[in-house]
Amino acid sequence: MYDNNGYRTVPWNHNNGEDDKFAKKAILEILKSQKVSLSKTRYLFDGIIQEIEDNNLITL
């Protein structure tokens, strides 16, 4: 998950129907409605990433 340069990331593939703009907008709307801070948002996303890695919820 994490190397010396930071998290490994892969760009979204729009040709496969992946819509990062839609996902970002939806996530931001939820976070705004919850009125959470940036540190709470980081905590949430770290937990999501850990759960995905630990439980293999998303497969390639």
PDB file of N, CA and C in Angstrom:
ATOM      1  N   MET A   1       0.822  -1.184   0.000  1.00  0.00           N
ATOM      2  CA  MET A   1       0.000   0.000   0.000  1.00  0.00           C
ATOM      3  C   MET A   1       0.865   1.247   0.000  1.00  0.00           C
ATOM      4  N   TYR A   2       1.855   1.302   0.829  1.00  0.00           N
ATOM      5  CA  TYR A   2       2.625   2.523   1.009  1.00  0.00           C
ATOM      6  C   TYR A   2       4.083   2.219   0.742  1.00  0.00           C
ATOM      7  N   ASP A   3       4.705   3.025  -0.110  1.00  0.00           N
ATOM      8  CA  ASP A   3       6.141   2.865  -0.324  1.00  0.00           C
ATOM      9  C   ASP A   3       6.834   4.161   0.079  1.00  0.00           C
ATOM     10  N   ASN A   4       8.100   4.283  -0.236  1.00  0.00           N
ATOM     11  CA  ASN A   4       8.857   5.464   0.191  1.00  0.00           C
ATOM     12  C   ASN A   4       8.347   6.761  -0.421  1.00  0.00           C
ATOM     13  N   ASN A   5       7.668   6.675  -1.542  1.00  0.00           N
ATOM     14  CA  ASN A   5       7.180   7.881  -2.221  1.00  0.00           C
ATOM     15  C   ASN A   5       5.738   8.213  -1.874  1.00  0.00           C
ATOM     16  N   GLY A   6       5.075   7.416  -1.066  1.00  0.00           N
ATOM     17  CA  GLY A   6       3.680   7.645  -0.708  1.00  0.00           C
ATOM     18  C   GLY A   6       2.819   6.499  -1.189  1.00  0.00           C
ATOM     19  N   TYR A   7       1.522   6.699  -1.155  1.00  0.00           N
ATOM     20  CA  TYR A   7       0.587   5.675  -1.601  1.00  0.00           C
ATOM     21  C   TYR A   7       0.753   5.422  -3.089  1.00  0.00           C
ATOM     22  N   ARG A   8       0.605   4.161  -3.485  1.00  0.00           N
ATOM     23  CA  ARG A   8       0.607   3.818  -4.900  1.00  0.00           C
ATOM     24  C   ARG A   8      -0.761   4.193  -5.453  1.00  0.00           C
ATOM     25  N   THR A   9      -0.777   4.933  -6.526  1.00  0.00           N
ATOM     26  CA  THR A   9      -2.039   5.352  -7.131  1.00  0.00           C
ATOM     27  C   THR A   9      -2.059   5.001  -8.604  1.00  0.00           C
ATOM     28  N   VAL A  10      -3.243   4.776  -9.114  1.00  0.00           N
ATOM     29  CA  VAL A  10      -3.456   4.479 -10.526  1.00  0.00           C
ATOM     30  C   VAL A  10      -4.589   5.383 -11.000  1.00  0.00           C
ATOM     31  N   PRO A  11      -4.410   6.073 -12.133  1.00  0.00           N
ATOM     32  CA  PRO A  11      -5.483   6.944 -12.620  1.00  0.00           C
ATOM     33  C   PRO A  11      -6.736   6.148 -12.979  1.00  0.00           C
ATOM     34  N   TRP A  12      -7.876   6.791 -12.860  1.00  0.00           N
ATOM     35  CA  TRP A  12      -9.137   6.170 -13.244  1.00  0.00           C
ATOM     36  C   TRP A  12      -9.171   6.038 -14.761  1.00  0.00           C
ATOM     37  N   ASN A  13      -9.808   4.982 -15.244  1.00  0.00           N
ATOM     38  CA  ASN A  13      -9.892   4.715 -16.674  1.00  0.00           C
ATOM     39  C   ASN A  13     -11.292   5.053 -17.170  1.00  0.00           C
ATOM     40  N   HIS A  14     -11.420   6.184 -17.832  1.00  0.00           N
ATOM     41  CA  HIS A  14     -12.725   6.645 -18.314  1.00  0.00           C
ATOM     42  C   HIS A  14     -13.268   5.725 -19.397  1.00  0.00           C
ATOM     43  N   ASN A  15     -12.387   5.023 -20.105  1.00  0.00           N
ATOM     44  CA  ASN A  15     -12.827   4.096 -21.149  1.00  0.00           C
ATOM     45  C   ASN A  15     -13.538   2.874 -20.583  1.00  0.00           C
ATOM     46  N   ASN A  16     -13.327   2.591 -19.303  1.00  0.00           N
ATOM     47  CA  ASN A  16     -13.993   1.468 -18.638  1.00  0.00           C
ATOM     48  C   ASN A  16     -15.210   1.921 -17.840  1.00  0.00           C
ATOM     49  N   GLY A  17     -15.642   3.142 -18.059  1.00  0.00           N
ATOM     50  CA  GLY A  17     -16.817   3.655 -17.363  1.00  0.00           C
ATOM     51  C   GLY A  17     -16.533   4.206 -15.982  1.00  0.00           C
ATOM     52  N   GLU A  18     -15.273   4.363 -15.628  1.00  0.00           N
ATOM     53  CA  GLU A  18     -14.918   4.918 -14.323  1.00  0.00           C
ATOM     54  C   GLU A  18     -15.031   6.437 -14.385  1.00  0.00           C
ATOM     55  N   ASP A  19     -15.844   6.999 -13.510  1.00  0.00           N
ATOM     56  CA  ASP A  19     -16.125   8.436 -13.538  1.00  0.00           C
ATOM     57  C   ASP A  19     -15.653   9.080 -12.237  1.00  0.00           C
ATOM     58  N   ASP A  20     -14.402   9.495 -12.231  1.00  0.00           N
ATOM     59  CA  ASP A  20     -13.828  10.066 -11.014  1.00  0.00           C
ATOM     60  C   ASP A  20     -14.472  11.391 -10.637  1.00  0.00           C
ATOM     61  N   LYS A  21     -14.903  12.174 -11.605  1.00  0.00           N
ATOM     62  CA  LYS A  21     -15.548  13.465 -11.297  1.00  0.00           C
ATOM     63  C   LYS A  21     -16.872  13.239 -10.577  1.00  0.00           C
ATOM     64  N   PHE A  22     -17.657  12.265 -11.044  1.00  0.00           N
ATOM     65  CA  PHE A  22     -18.922  11.942 -10.383  1.00  0.00           C
ATOM     66  C   PHE A  22     -18.675  11.434  -8.966  1.00  0.00           C
ATOM     67  N   ALA A  23     -17.720  10.527  -8.815  1.00  0.00           N
ATOM     68  CA  ALA A  23     -17.411   9.961  -7.498  1.00  0.00           C
ATOM     69  C   ALA A  23     -16.936  11.046  -6.536  1.00  0.00           C
ATOM     70  N   LYS A  24     -16.057  11.914  -7.019  1.00  0.00           N
ATOM     71  CA  LYS A  24     -15.540  12.997  -6.176  1.00  0.00           C
ATOM     72  C   LYS A  24     -16.669  13.912  -5.719  1.00  0.00           C
ATOM     73  N   LYS A  25     -17.559  14.272  -6.641  1.00  0.00           N
ATOM     74  CA  LYS A  25     -18.677  15.162  -6.309  1.00  0.00           C
ATOM     75  C   LYS A  25     -19.589  14.518  -5.270  1.00  0.00           C
ATOM     76  N   ALA A  26     -19.892  13.229  -5.455  1.00  0.00           N
ATOM     77  CA  ALA A  26     -20.771  12.527  -4.519  1.00  0.00           C
ATOM     78  C   ALA A  26     -20.133  12.434  -3.132  1.00  0.00           C
ATOM     79  N   ILE A  27     -18.846  12.106  -3.087  1.00  0.00           N
ATOM     80  CA  ILE A  27     -18.144  11.997  -1.805  1.00  0.00           C
ATOM     81  C   ILE A  27     -18.100  13.343  -1.097  1.00  0.00           C
ATOM     82  N   LEU A  28     -17.791  14.401  -1.840  1.00  0.00           N
ATOM     83  CA  LEU A  28     -17.732  15.735  -1.232  1.00  0.00           C
ATOM     84  C   LEU A  28     -19.087  16.182  -0.705  1.00  0.00           C
ATOM     85  N   GLU A  29     -20.157  15.838  -1.414  1.00  0.00           N
ATOM     86  CA  GLU A  29     -21.501  16.195  -0.937  1.00  0.00           C
ATOM     87  C   GLU A  29     -21.806  15.503   0.389  1.00  0.00           C
ATOM     88  N   ILE A  30     -21.439  14.234   0.503  1.00  0.00           N
ATOM     89  CA  ILE A  30     -21.655  13.505   1.751  1.00  0.00           C
ATOM     90  C   ILE A  30     -20.847  14.131   2.886  1.00  0.00           C
ATOM     91  N   LEU A  31     -19.575  14.424   2.625  1.00  0.00           N
ATOM     92  CA  LEU A  31     -18.718  15.004   3.663  1.00  0.00           C
ATOM     93  C   LEU A  31     -19.225  16.379   4.092  1.00  0.00           C
ATOM     94  N   LYS A  32     -19.676  17.181   3.131  1.00  0.00           N
ATOM     95  CA  LYS A  32     -20.221  18.505   3.478  1.00  0.00           C
ATOM     96  C   LYS A  32     -21.470  18.371   4.331  1.00  0.00           C
ATOM     97  N   SER A  33     -22.329  17.400   4.008  1.00  0.00           N
ATOM     98  CA  SER A  33     -23.561  17.229   4.783  1.00  0.00           C
ATOM     99  C   SER A  33     -23.258  16.777   6.213  1.00  0.00           C
ATOM    100  N   GLN A  34     -22.137  16.086   6.403  1.00  0.00           N
ATOM    101  CA  GLN A  34     -21.732  15.625   7.726  1.00  0.00           C
ATOM    102  C   GLN A  34     -20.941  16.687   8.492  1.00  0.00           C
ATOM    103  N   LYS A  35     -20.509  17.728   7.781  1.00  0.00           N
ATOM    104  CA  LYS A  35     -19.759  18.846   8.381  1.00  0.00           C
ATOM    105  C   LYS A  35     -18.547  18.361   9.171  1.00  0.00           C
ATOM    106  N   VAL A  36     -17.764  17.487   8.535  1.00  0.00           N
ATOM    107  CA  VAL A  36     -16.582  16.950   9.200  1.00  0.00           C
ATOM    108  C   VAL A  36     -15.333  17.715   8.787  1.00  0.00           C
ATOM    109  N   SER A  37     -14.331  17.652   9.629  1.00  0.00           N
ATOM    110  CA  SER A  37     -13.067  18.336   9.378  1.00  0.00           C
ATOM    111  C   SER A  37     -12.189  17.519   8.433  1.00  0.00           C
ATOM    112  N   LEU A  38     -11.124  18.144   7.979  1.00  0.00           N
ATOM    113  CA  LEU A  38     -10.175  17.462   7.112  1.00  0.00           C
ATOM    114  C   LEU A  38      -9.526  16.282   7.843  1.00  0.00           C
ATOM    115  N   SER A  39      -9.184  16.449   9.103  1.00  0.00           N
ATOM    116  CA  SER A  39      -8.557  15.354   9.838  1.00  0.00           C
ATOM    117  C   SER A  39      -9.525  14.181  10.013  1.00  0.00           C
ATOM    118  N   LYS A  40     -10.804  14.453  10.178  1.00  0.00           N
ATOM    119  CA  LYS A  40     -11.789  13.378  10.272  1.00  0.00           C
ATOM    120  C   LYS A  40     -11.975  12.697   8.913  1.00  0.00           C
ATOM    121  N   THR A  41     -11.879  13.467   7.847  1.00  0.00           N
ATOM    122  CA  THR A  41     -11.968  12.902   6.497  1.00  0.00           C
ATOM    123  C   THR A  41     -10.782  11.983   6.233  1.00  0.00           C
ATOM    124  N   ARG A  42      -9.578  12.396   6.623  1.00  0.00           N
ATOM    125  CA  ARG A  42      -8.396  11.540   6.482  1.00  0.00           C
ATOM    126  C   ARG A  42      -8.564  10.248   7.266  1.00  0.00           C
ATOM    127  N   TYR A  43      -9.073  10.367   8.481  1.00  0.00           N
ATOM    128  CA  TYR A  43      -9.307   9.188   9.321  1.00  0.00           C
ATOM    129  C   TYR A  43     -10.261   8.223   8.626  1.00  0.00           C
ATOM    130  N   LEU A  44     -11.330   8.756   8.054  1.00  0.00           N
ATOM    131  CA  LEU A  44     -12.311   7.936   7.347  1.00  0.00           C
ATOM    132  C   LEU A  44     -11.677   7.213   6.165  1.00  0.00           C
ATOM    133  N   PHE A  45     -10.949   7.959   5.327  1.00  0.00           N
ATOM    134  CA  PHE A  45     -10.356   7.362   4.134  1.00  0.00           C
ATOM    135  C   PHE A  45      -9.240   6.376   4.473  1.00  0.00           C
ATOM    136  N   ASP A  46      -8.465   6.648   5.507  1.00  0.00           N
ATOM    137  CA  ASP A  46      -7.458   5.674   5.946  1.00  0.00           C
ATOM    138  C   ASP A  46      -8.126   4.373   6.373  1.00  0.00           C
ATOM    139  N   GLY A  47      -9.252   4.476   7.080  1.00  0.00           N
ATOM    140  CA  GLY A  47      -9.993   3.293   7.484  1.00  0.00           C
ATOM    141  C   GLY A  47     -10.559   2.530   6.297  1.00  0.00           C
ATOM    142  N   ILE A  48     -11.054   3.256   5.301  1.00  0.00           N
ATOM    143  CA  ILE A  48     -11.583   2.608   4.104  1.00  0.00           C
ATOM    144  C   ILE A  48     -10.475   1.878   3.365  1.00  0.00           C
ATOM    145  N   ILE A  49      -9.335   2.518   3.187  1.00  0.00           N
ATOM    146  CA  ILE A  49      -8.205   1.893   2.485  1.00  0.00           C
ATOM    147  C   ILE A  49      -7.740   0.652   3.238  1.00  0.00           C
ATOM    148  N   GLN A  50      -7.632   0.756   4.545  1.00  0.00           N
ATOM    149  CA  GLN A  50      -7.195  -0.389   5.346  1.00  0.00           C
ATOM    150  C   GLN A  50      -8.184  -1.538   5.221  1.00  0.00           C
ATOM    151  N   GLU A  51      -9.475  -1.248   5.258  1.00  0.00           N
ATOM    152  CA  GLU A  51     -10.489  -2.296   5.150  1.00  0.00           C
ATOM    153  C   GLU A  51     -10.446  -2.972   3.777  1.00  0.00           C
ATOM    154  N   ILE A  52     -10.255  -2.190   2.737  1.00  0.00           N
ATOM    155  CA  ILE A  52     -10.162  -2.754   1.397  1.00  0.00           C
ATOM    156  C   ILE A  52      -8.955  -3.684   1.308  1.00  0.00           C
ATOM    157  N   GLU A  53      -7.815  -3.241   1.817  1.00  0.00           N
ATOM    158  CA  GLU A  53      -6.607  -4.048   1.751  1.00  0.00           C
ATOM    159  C   GLU A  53      -6.711  -5.294   2.618  1.00  0.00           C
ATOM    160  N   ASP A  54      -7.261  -5.141   3.816  1.00  0.00           N
ATOM    161  CA  ASP A  54      -7.330  -6.266   4.758  1.00  0.00           C
ATOM    162  C   ASP A  54      -8.349  -7.318   4.328  1.00  0.00           C
ATOM    163  N   ASN A  55      -9.437  -6.881   3.745  1.00  0.00           N
ATOM    164  CA  ASN A  55     -10.531  -7.803   3.424  1.00  0.00           C
ATOM    165  C   ASN A  55     -10.708  -8.051   1.939  1.00  0.00           C
ATOM    166  N   ASN A  56      -9.856  -7.435   1.096  1.00  0.00           N
ATOM    167  CA  ASN A  56      -9.953  -7.606  -0.353  1.00  0.00           C
ATOM    168  C   ASN A  56     -11.360  -7.386  -0.877  1.00  0.00           C
ATOM    169  N   LEU A  57     -11.981  -6.284  -0.474  1.00  0.00           N
ATOM    170  CA  LEU A  57     -13.340  -6.001  -0.904  1.00  0.00           C
ATOM    171  C   LEU A  57     -13.413  -5.635  -2.382  1.00  0.00           C
ATOM    172  N   ILE A  58     -12.351  -5.061  -2.892  1.00  0.00           N
ATOM    173  CA  ILE A  58     -12.324  -4.649  -4.289  1.00  0.00           C
ATOM    174  C   ILE A  58     -11.268  -5.498  -4.988  1.00  0.00           C
ATOM    175  N   THR A  59     -11.640  -6.128  -6.083  1.00  0.00           N
ATOM    176  CA  THR A  59     -10.697  -6.942  -6.842  1.00  0.00           C
ATOM    177  C   THR A  59     -10.476  -6.322  -8.205  1.00  0.00           C
ATOM    178  N   LEU A  60      -9.322  -6.626  -8.776  1.00  0.00           N
ATOM    179  CA  LEU A  60      -9.006  -6.082 -10.090  1.00  0.00           C
ATOM    180  C   LEU A  60      -9.557  -6.967 -11.179  1.00  0.00           C
TER     181      LEU A  60
END
